[in-house]
Amino acid sequence: MDTKLKETLRQLHATLAHHGPVDEELQSLLRQLDGDIKLILDQPPEPDGGTSTYGLAERTQEITAKFAAKHPALEPTLRELTRILGNMGI
């Protein structure tokens, strides 16, 4: 897994722990996103060079928008995560 991505995910978890609990819906979305990122990064590349990342970038942006409204301190870290995933082609 990309070092910058790992660090950003660690930072997100630390920020979540520091700023207190988030509602169950956002926790669920983050757990799903975290699992999806790990799954994609652990997969071997597809023979045609493509990846099966359908919807991941859009979901990341959607989660970022929800967090920005309810937990503004988390939004910069999520925005960075979205940027890193985009740069990776995910």
PDB file of N, CA and C in Angstrom:
ATOM      1  N   MET A   1       0.857  -1.179   0.000  1.00  0.00           N
ATOM      2  CA  MET A   1       0.000   0.000   0.000  1.00  0.00           C
ATOM      3  C   MET A   1       0.898   1.235   0.000  1.00  0.00           C
ATOM      4  N   ASP A   2       0.531   2.220  -0.734  1.00  0.00           N
ATOM      5  CA  ASP A   2       1.269   3.474  -0.841  1.00  0.00           C
ATOM      6  C   ASP A   2       1.499   4.076   0.552  1.00  0.00           C
ATOM      7  N   THR A   3       2.727   4.522   0.827  1.00  0.00           N
ATOM      8  CA  THR A   3       3.091   5.069   2.133  1.00  0.00           C
ATOM      9  C   THR A   3       2.260   6.292   2.489  1.00  0.00           C
ATOM     10  N   LYS A   4       2.067   7.201   1.542  1.00  0.00           N
ATOM     11  CA  LYS A   4       1.279   8.413   1.799  1.00  0.00           C
ATOM     12  C   LYS A   4      -0.171   8.060   2.106  1.00  0.00           C
ATOM     13  N   LEU A   5      -0.701   7.068   1.412  1.00  0.00           N
ATOM     14  CA  LEU A   5      -2.072   6.637   1.660  1.00  0.00           C
ATOM     15  C   LEU A   5      -2.182   6.051   3.063  1.00  0.00           C
ATOM     16  N   LYS A   6      -1.231   5.198   3.447  1.00  0.00           N
ATOM     17  CA  LYS A   6      -1.241   4.618   4.790  1.00  0.00           C
ATOM     18  C   LYS A   6      -1.192   5.713   5.848  1.00  0.00           C
ATOM     19  N   GLU A   7      -0.316   6.689   5.650  1.00  0.00           N
ATOM     20  CA  GLU A   7      -0.185   7.773   6.619  1.00  0.00           C
ATOM     21  C   GLU A   7      -1.475   8.585   6.715  1.00  0.00           C
ATOM     22  N   THR A   8      -2.116   8.840   5.589  1.00  0.00           N
ATOM     23  CA  THR A   8      -3.366   9.602   5.587  1.00  0.00           C
ATOM     24  C   THR A   8      -4.467   8.824   6.294  1.00  0.00           C
ATOM     25  N   LEU A   9      -4.528   7.516   6.075  1.00  0.00           N
ATOM     26  CA  LEU A   9      -5.518   6.695   6.773  1.00  0.00           C
ATOM     27  C   LEU A   9      -5.251   6.700   8.281  1.00  0.00           C
ATOM     28  N   ARG A  10      -3.973   6.611   8.673  1.00  0.00           N
ATOM     29  CA  ARG A  10      -3.623   6.684  10.107  1.00  0.00           C
ATOM     30  C   ARG A  10      -4.038   8.029  10.691  1.00  0.00           C
ATOM     31  N   GLN A  11      -3.773   9.087   9.935  1.00  0.00           N
ATOM     32  CA  GLN A  11      -4.128  10.431  10.389  1.00  0.00           C
ATOM     33  C   GLN A  11      -5.641  10.555  10.546  1.00  0.00           C
ATOM     34  N   LEU A  12      -6.385   9.988   9.624  1.00  0.00           N
ATOM     35  CA  LEU A  12      -7.840  10.028   9.703  1.00  0.00           C
ATOM     36  C   LEU A  12      -8.324   9.319  10.966  1.00  0.00           C
ATOM     37  N   HIS A  13      -7.777   8.141  11.241  1.00  0.00           N
ATOM     38  CA  HIS A  13      -8.172   7.400  12.440  1.00  0.00           C
ATOM     39  C   HIS A  13      -7.811   8.178  13.706  1.00  0.00           C
ATOM     40  N   ALA A  14      -6.646   8.809  13.729  1.00  0.00           N
ATOM     41  CA  ALA A  14      -6.229   9.598  14.894  1.00  0.00           C
ATOM     42  C   ALA A  14      -7.141  10.803  15.084  1.00  0.00           C
ATOM     43  N   THR A  15      -7.491  11.463  13.981  1.00  0.00           N
ATOM     44  CA  THR A  15      -8.370  12.626  14.061  1.00  0.00           C
ATOM     45  C   THR A  15      -9.752  12.214  14.558  1.00  0.00           C
ATOM     46  N   LEU A  16     -10.237  11.081  14.082  1.00  0.00           N
ATOM     47  CA  LEU A  16     -11.529  10.570  14.547  1.00  0.00           C
ATOM     48  C   LEU A  16     -11.489  10.306  16.053  1.00  0.00           C
ATOM     49  N   ALA A  17     -10.423   9.677  16.520  1.00  0.00           N
ATOM     50  CA  ALA A  17     -10.298   9.371  17.944  1.00  0.00           C
ATOM     51  C   ALA A  17     -10.231  10.647  18.778  1.00  0.00           C
ATOM     52  N   HIS A  18      -9.551  11.656  18.266  1.00  0.00           N
ATOM     53  CA  HIS A  18      -9.357  12.906  19.005  1.00  0.00           C
ATOM     54  C   HIS A  18     -10.630  13.746  19.071  1.00  0.00           C
ATOM     55  N   HIS A  19     -11.412  13.757  18.017  1.00  0.00           N
ATOM     56  CA  HIS A  19     -12.580  14.634  17.937  1.00  0.00           C
ATOM     57  C   HIS A  19     -13.868  13.968  18.387  1.00  0.00           C
ATOM     58  N   GLY A  20     -13.750  12.834  18.998  1.00  0.00           N
ATOM     59  CA  GLY A  20     -14.924  12.210  19.575  1.00  0.00           C
ATOM     60  C   GLY A  20     -15.712  11.387  18.581  1.00  0.00           C
ATOM     61  N   PRO A  21     -16.785  10.811  19.078  1.00  0.00           N
ATOM     62  CA  PRO A  21     -17.565   9.891  18.253  1.00  0.00           C
ATOM     63  C   PRO A  21     -18.290  10.589  17.109  1.00  0.00           C
ATOM     64  N   VAL A  22     -18.476   9.835  16.049  1.00  0.00           N
ATOM     65  CA  VAL A  22     -19.283  10.295  14.926  1.00  0.00           C
ATOM     66  C   VAL A  22     -20.516   9.413  14.874  1.00  0.00           C
ATOM     67  N   ASP A  23     -21.521   9.860  14.156  1.00  0.00           N
ATOM     68  CA  ASP A  23     -22.747   9.077  14.129  1.00  0.00           C
ATOM     69  C   ASP A  23     -22.535   7.738  13.417  1.00  0.00           C
ATOM     70  N   GLU A  24     -23.447   6.829  13.655  1.00  0.00           N
ATOM     71  CA  GLU A  24     -23.321   5.456  13.161  1.00  0.00           C
ATOM     72  C   GLU A  24     -23.255   5.382  11.636  1.00  0.00           C
ATOM     73  N   GLU A  25     -24.007   6.235  10.952  1.00  0.00           N
ATOM     74  CA  GLU A  25     -23.994   6.226   9.485  1.00  0.00           C
ATOM     75  C   GLU A  25     -22.597   6.545   8.951  1.00  0.00           C
ATOM     76  N   LEU A  26     -21.970   7.582   9.495  1.00  0.00           N
ATOM     77  CA  LEU A  26     -20.643   7.957   9.029  1.00  0.00           C
ATOM     78  C   LEU A  26     -19.596   6.921   9.424  1.00  0.00           C
ATOM     79  N   GLN A  27     -19.723   6.329  10.597  1.00  0.00           N
ATOM     80  CA  GLN A  27     -18.817   5.253  10.991  1.00  0.00           C
ATOM     81  C   GLN A  27     -18.905   4.095  10.007  1.00  0.00           C
ATOM     82  N   SER A  28     -20.111   3.743   9.643  1.00  0.00           N
ATOM     83  CA  SER A  28     -20.324   2.646   8.701  1.00  0.00           C
ATOM     84  C   SER A  28     -19.724   2.967   7.338  1.00  0.00           C
ATOM     85  N   LEU A  29     -19.946   4.185   6.860  1.00  0.00           N
ATOM     86  CA  LEU A  29     -19.389   4.595   5.569  1.00  0.00           C
ATOM     87  C   LEU A  29     -17.860   4.554   5.589  1.00  0.00           C
ATOM     88  N   LEU A  30     -17.270   5.012   6.677  1.00  0.00           N
ATOM     89  CA  LEU A  30     -15.805   4.997   6.784  1.00  0.00           C
ATOM     90  C   LEU A  30     -15.249   3.580   6.857  1.00  0.00           C
ATOM     91  N   ARG A  31     -15.918   2.710   7.599  1.00  0.00           N
ATOM     92  CA  ARG A  31     -15.465   1.312   7.671  1.00  0.00           C
ATOM     93  C   ARG A  31     -15.520   0.667   6.291  1.00  0.00           C
ATOM     94  N   GLN A  32     -16.595   0.919   5.572  1.00  0.00           N
ATOM     95  CA  GLN A  32     -16.737   0.360   4.229  1.00  0.00           C
ATOM     96  C   GLN A  32     -15.658   0.912   3.302  1.00  0.00           C
ATOM     97  N   LEU A  33     -15.433   2.207   3.359  1.00  0.00           N
ATOM     98  CA  LEU A  33     -14.414   2.833   2.522  1.00  0.00           C
ATOM     99  C   LEU A  33     -13.035   2.278   2.848  1.00  0.00           C
ATOM    100  N   ASP A  34     -12.716   2.164   4.125  1.00  0.00           N
ATOM    101  CA  ASP A  34     -11.430   1.624   4.564  1.00  0.00           C
ATOM    102  C   ASP A  34     -11.239   0.202   4.032  1.00  0.00           C
ATOM    103  N   GLY A  35     -12.265  -0.617   4.171  1.00  0.00           N
ATOM    104  CA  GLY A  35     -12.192  -1.994   3.670  1.00  0.00           C
ATOM    105  C   GLY A  35     -12.043  -2.049   2.161  1.00  0.00           C
ATOM    106  N   ASP A  36     -12.773  -1.190   1.451  1.00  0.00           N
ATOM    107  CA  ASP A  36     -12.695  -1.167  -0.009  1.00  0.00           C
ATOM    108  C   ASP A  36     -11.304  -0.750  -0.483  1.00  0.00           C
ATOM    109  N   ILE A  37     -10.721   0.251   0.176  1.00  0.00           N
ATOM    110  CA  ILE A  37      -9.377   0.702  -0.201  1.00  0.00           C
ATOM    111  C   ILE A  37      -8.374  -0.421   0.006  1.00  0.00           C
ATOM    112  N   LYS A  38      -8.440  -1.074   1.159  1.00  0.00           N
ATOM    113  CA  LYS A  38      -7.512  -2.179   1.442  1.00  0.00           C
ATOM    114  C   LYS A  38      -7.689  -3.314   0.442  1.00  0.00           C
ATOM    115  N   LEU A  39      -8.926  -3.644   0.128  1.00  0.00           N
ATOM    116  CA  LEU A  39      -9.202  -4.718  -0.827  1.00  0.00           C
ATOM    117  C   LEU A  39      -8.628  -4.400  -2.199  1.00  0.00           C
ATOM    118  N   ILE A  40      -8.854  -3.191  -2.665  1.00  0.00           N
ATOM    119  CA  ILE A  40      -8.365  -2.787  -3.985  1.00  0.00           C
ATOM    120  C   ILE A  40      -6.845  -2.789  -4.036  1.00  0.00           C
ATOM    121  N   LEU A  41      -6.222  -2.253  -3.000  1.00  0.00           N
ATOM    122  CA  LEU A  41      -4.761  -2.173  -3.002  1.00  0.00           C
ATOM    123  C   LEU A  41      -4.097  -3.537  -2.830  1.00  0.00           C
ATOM    124  N   ASP A  42      -4.803  -4.493  -2.254  1.00  0.00           N
ATOM    125  CA  ASP A  42      -4.251  -5.836  -2.078  1.00  0.00           C
ATOM    126  C   ASP A  42      -4.463  -6.730  -3.301  1.00  0.00           C
ATOM    127  N   GLN A  43      -5.322  -6.292  -4.231  1.00  0.00           N
ATOM    128  CA  GLN A  43      -5.594  -7.081  -5.436  1.00  0.00           C
ATOM    129  C   GLN A  43      -4.434  -6.976  -6.416  1.00  0.00           C
ATOM    130  N   PRO A  44      -4.135  -8.073  -7.098  1.00  0.00           N
ATOM    131  CA  PRO A  44      -3.154  -7.956  -8.182  1.00  0.00           C
ATOM    132  C   PRO A  44      -3.766  -7.142  -9.319  1.00  0.00           C
ATOM    133  N   PRO A  45      -2.941  -6.417 -10.071  1.00  0.00           N
ATOM    134  CA  PRO A  45      -3.469  -5.644 -11.210  1.00  0.00           C
ATOM    135  C   PRO A  45      -4.169  -6.556 -12.211  1.00  0.00           C
ATOM    136  N   GLU A  46      -5.213  -6.033 -12.831  1.00  0.00           N
ATOM    137  CA  GLU A  46      -5.921  -6.800 -13.854  1.00  0.00           C
ATOM    138  C   GLU A  46      -5.068  -6.855 -15.117  1.00  0.00           C
ATOM    139  N   PRO A  47      -5.188  -7.938 -15.894  1.00  0.00           N
ATOM    140  CA  PRO A  47      -4.337  -8.104 -17.084  1.00  0.00           C
ATOM    141  C   PRO A  47      -4.422  -6.952 -18.082  1.00  0.00           C
ATOM    142  N   ASP A  48      -5.586  -6.322 -18.190  1.00  0.00           N
ATOM    143  CA  ASP A  48      -5.734  -5.229 -19.151  1.00  0.00           C
ATOM    144  C   ASP A  48      -5.270  -3.891 -18.584  1.00  0.00           C
ATOM    145  N   GLY A  49      -4.707  -3.919 -17.359  1.00  0.00           N
ATOM    146  CA  GLY A  49      -4.216  -2.697 -16.749  1.00  0.00           C
ATOM    147  C   GLY A  49      -5.280  -1.924 -15.996  1.00  0.00           C
ATOM    148  N   GLY A  50      -6.518  -2.375 -16.064  1.00  0.00           N
ATOM    149  CA  GLY A  50      -7.609  -1.693 -15.379  1.00  0.00           C
ATOM    150  C   GLY A  50      -7.691  -2.096 -13.922  1.00  0.00           C
ATOM    151  N   THR A  51      -8.589  -1.440 -13.216  1.00  0.00           N
ATOM    152  CA  THR A  51      -8.848  -1.799 -11.830  1.00  0.00           C
ATOM    153  C   THR A  51     -10.343  -1.831 -11.620  1.00  0.00           C
ATOM    154  N   SER A  52     -10.751  -2.566 -10.601  1.00  0.00           N
ATOM    155  CA  SER A  52     -12.178  -2.635 -10.298  1.00  0.00           C
ATOM    156  C   SER A  52     -12.478  -1.686  -9.141  1.00  0.00           C
ATOM    157  N   THR A  53     -12.359  -0.395  -9.401  1.00  0.00           N
ATOM    158  CA  THR A  53     -12.528   0.621  -8.365  1.00  0.00           C
ATOM    159  C   THR A  53     -13.810   1.404  -8.551  1.00  0.00           C
ATOM    160  N   TYR A  54     -14.755   0.837  -9.260  1.00  0.00           N
ATOM    161  CA  TYR A  54     -15.978   1.546  -9.602  1.00  0.00           C
ATOM    162  C   TYR A  54     -16.626   2.191  -8.383  1.00  0.00           C
ATOM    163  N   GLY A  55     -16.793   3.496  -8.429  1.00  0.00           N
ATOM    164  CA  GLY A  55     -17.519   4.219  -7.409  1.00  0.00           C
ATOM    165  C   GLY A  55     -16.720   4.624  -6.181  1.00  0.00           C
ATOM    166  N   LEU A  56     -15.482   4.165  -6.044  1.00  0.00           N
ATOM    167  CA  LEU A  56     -14.714   4.466  -4.840  1.00  0.00           C
ATOM    168  C   LEU A  56     -14.428   5.959  -4.717  1.00  0.00           C
ATOM    169  N   ALA A  57     -13.989   6.587  -5.772  1.00  0.00           N
ATOM    170  CA  ALA A  57     -13.700   8.032  -5.719  1.00  0.00           C
ATOM    171  C   ALA A  57     -14.972   8.823  -5.414  1.00  0.00           C
ATOM    172  N   GLU A  58     -16.072   8.442  -6.017  1.00  0.00           N
ATOM    173  CA  GLU A  58     -17.331   9.143  -5.781  1.00  0.00           C
ATOM    174  C   GLU A  58     -17.784   8.978  -4.338  1.00  0.00           C
ATOM    175  N   ARG A  59     -17.649   7.758  -3.800  1.00  0.00           N
ATOM    176  CA  ARG A  59     -18.027   7.527  -2.400  1.00  0.00           C
ATOM    177  C   ARG A  59     -17.137   8.324  -1.457  1.00  0.00           C
ATOM    178  N   THR A  60     -15.847   8.405  -1.780  1.00  0.00           N
ATOM    179  CA  THR A  60     -14.934   9.171  -0.941  1.00  0.00           C
ATOM    180  C   THR A  60     -15.340  10.636  -0.925  1.00  0.00           C
ATOM    181  N   GLN A  61     -15.689  11.182  -2.080  1.00  0.00           N
ATOM    182  CA  GLN A  61     -16.138  12.578  -2.145  1.00  0.00           C
ATOM    183  C   GLN A  61     -17.442  12.777  -1.379  1.00  0.00           C
ATOM    184  N   GLU A  62     -18.338  11.823  -1.478  1.00  0.00           N
ATOM    185  CA  GLU A  62     -19.617  11.902  -0.771  1.00  0.00           C
ATOM    186  C   GLU A  62     -19.404  11.896   0.744  1.00  0.00           C
ATOM    187  N   ILE A  63     -18.533  11.023   1.205  1.00  0.00           N
ATOM    188  CA  ILE A  63     -18.231  10.955   2.635  1.00  0.00           C
ATOM    189  C   ILE A  63     -17.568  12.253   3.092  1.00  0.00           C
ATOM    190  N   THR A  64     -16.675  12.781   2.275  1.00  0.00           N
ATOM    191  CA  THR A  64     -16.009  14.036   2.604  1.00  0.00           C
ATOM    192  C   THR A  64     -17.033  15.151   2.778  1.00  0.00           C
ATOM    193  N   ALA A  65     -18.007  15.217   1.884  1.00  0.00           N
ATOM    194  CA  ALA A  65     -19.038  16.253   1.978  1.00  0.00           C
ATOM    195  C   ALA A  65     -19.859  16.100   3.259  1.00  0.00           C
ATOM    196  N   LYS A  66     -20.191  14.871   3.622  1.00  0.00           N
ATOM    197  CA  LYS A  66     -20.954  14.644   4.857  1.00  0.00           C
ATOM    198  C   LYS A  66     -20.139  15.032   6.080  1.00  0.00           C
ATOM    199  N   PHE A  67     -18.872  14.673   6.091  1.00  0.00           N
ATOM    200  CA  PHE A  67     -18.031  15.017   7.225  1.00  0.00           C
ATOM    201  C   PHE A  67     -17.802  16.516   7.309  1.00  0.00           C
ATOM    202  N   ALA A  68     -17.687  17.182   6.185  1.00  0.00           N
ATOM    203  CA  ALA A  68     -17.448  18.622   6.183  1.00  0.00           C
ATOM    204  C   ALA A  68     -18.575  19.346   6.912  1.00  0.00           C
ATOM    205  N   ALA A  69     -19.779  18.874   6.734  1.00  0.00           N
ATOM    206  CA  ALA A  69     -20.923  19.514   7.369  1.00  0.00           C
ATOM    207  C   ALA A  69     -21.003  19.197   8.864  1.00  0.00           C
ATOM    208  N   LYS A  70     -20.730  17.957   9.244  1.00  0.00           N
ATOM    209  CA  LYS A  70     -20.909  17.540  10.632  1.00  0.00           C
ATOM    210  C   LYS A  70     -19.626  17.597  11.456  1.00  0.00           C
ATOM    211  N   HIS A  71     -18.489  17.373  10.813  1.00  0.00           N
ATOM    212  CA  HIS A  71     -17.205  17.300  11.514  1.00  0.00           C
ATOM    213  C   HIS A  71     -16.136  18.017  10.677  1.00  0.00           C
ATOM    214  N   PRO A  72     -16.149  19.339  10.685  1.00  0.00           N
ATOM    215  CA  PRO A  72     -15.242  20.093   9.809  1.00  0.00           C
ATOM    216  C   PRO A  72     -13.759  19.802  10.050  1.00  0.00           C
ATOM    217  N   ALA A  73     -13.376  19.368  11.236  1.00  0.00           N
ATOM    218  CA  ALA A  73     -11.964  19.078  11.510  1.00  0.00           C
ATOM    219  C   ALA A  73     -11.473  17.859  10.724  1.00  0.00           C
ATOM    220  N   LEU A  74     -12.382  16.991  10.315  1.00  0.00           N
ATOM    221  CA  LEU A  74     -12.008  15.782   9.578  1.00  0.00           C
ATOM    222  C   LEU A  74     -11.924  16.010   8.075  1.00  0.00           C
ATOM    223  N   GLU A  75     -12.563  17.039   7.608  1.00  0.00           N
ATOM    224  CA  GLU A  75     -12.670  17.274   6.167  1.00  0.00           C
ATOM    225  C   GLU A  75     -11.319  17.408   5.465  1.00  0.00           C
ATOM    226  N   PRO A  76     -10.322  18.113   6.012  1.00  0.00           N
ATOM    227  CA  PRO A  76      -9.043  18.205   5.288  1.00  0.00           C
ATOM    228  C   PRO A  76      -8.364  16.850   5.075  1.00  0.00           C
ATOM    229  N   THR A  77      -8.443  15.982   6.066  1.00  0.00           N
ATOM    230  CA  THR A  77      -7.822  14.662   5.935  1.00  0.00           C
ATOM    231  C   THR A  77      -8.551  13.838   4.888  1.00  0.00           C
ATOM    232  N   LEU A  78      -9.863  13.902   4.878  1.00  0.00           N
ATOM    233  CA  LEU A  78     -10.619  13.167   3.865  1.00  0.00           C
ATOM    234  C   LEU A  78     -10.384  13.733   2.471  1.00  0.00           C
ATOM    235  N   ARG A  79     -10.248  15.040   2.369  1.00  0.00           N
ATOM    236  CA  ARG A  79      -9.954  15.652   1.073  1.00  0.00           C
ATOM    237  C   ARG A  79      -8.594  15.171   0.564  1.00  0.00           C
ATOM    238  N   GLU A  80      -7.607  15.067   1.469  1.00  0.00           N
ATOM    239  CA  GLU A  80      -6.285  14.556   1.099  1.00  0.00           C
ATOM    240  C   GLU A  80      -6.379  13.096   0.655  1.00  0.00           C
ATOM    241  N   LEU A  81      -7.182  12.311   1.344  1.00  0.00           N
ATOM    242  CA  LEU A  81      -7.385  10.914   0.959  1.00  0.00           C
ATOM    243  C   LEU A  81      -7.969  10.832  -0.447  1.00  0.00           C
ATOM    244  N   THR A  82      -8.950  11.668  -0.736  1.00  0.00           N
ATOM    245  CA  THR A  82      -9.560  11.702  -2.070  1.00  0.00           C
ATOM    246  C   THR A  82      -8.517  12.056  -3.128  1.00  0.00           C
ATOM    247  N   ARG A  83      -7.669  13.033  -2.818  1.00  0.00           N
ATOM    248  CA  ARG A  83      -6.620  13.452  -3.753  1.00  0.00           C
ATOM    249  C   ARG A  83      -5.629  12.315  -4.018  1.00  0.00           C
ATOM    250  N   ILE A  84      -5.203  11.636  -2.961  1.00  0.00           N
ATOM    251  CA  ILE A  84      -4.250  10.523  -3.114  1.00  0.00           C
ATOM    252  C   ILE A  84      -4.859   9.405  -3.954  1.00  0.00           C
ATOM    253  N   LEU A  85      -6.092   9.038  -3.671  1.00  0.00           N
ATOM    254  CA  LEU A  85      -6.747   7.991  -4.446  1.00  0.00           C
ATOM    255  C   LEU A  85      -6.870   8.396  -5.912  1.00  0.00           C
ATOM    256  N   GLY A  86      -7.202   9.644  -6.166  1.00  0.00           N
ATOM    257  CA  GLY A  86      -7.287  10.133  -7.535  1.00  0.00           C
ATOM    258  C   GLY A  86      -5.945  10.057  -8.246  1.00  0.00           C
ATOM    259  N   ASN A  87      -4.879  10.435  -7.545  1.00  0.00           N
ATOM    260  CA  ASN A  87      -3.546  10.363  -8.146  1.00  0.00           C
ATOM    261  C   ASN A  87      -3.114   8.930  -8.436  1.00  0.00           C
ATOM    262  N   MET A  88      -3.649   7.993  -7.651  1.00  0.00           N
ATOM    263  CA  MET A  88      -3.339   6.584  -7.861  1.00  0.00           C
ATOM    264  C   MET A  88      -4.214   5.963  -8.951  1.00  0.00           C
ATOM    265  N   GLY A  89      -5.171   6.735  -9.446  1.00  0.00           N
ATOM    266  CA  GLY A  89      -6.069   6.215 -10.471  1.00  0.00           C
ATOM    267  C   GLY A  89      -7.205   5.398  -9.900  1.00  0.00           C
ATOM    268  N   ILE A  90      -7.478   5.579  -8.625  1.00  0.00           N
ATOM    269  CA  ILE A  90      -8.538   4.814  -7.969  1.00  0.00           C
ATOM    270  C   ILE A  90      -9.794   5.652  -7.910  1.00  0.00           C
TER     271      ILE A  90
END
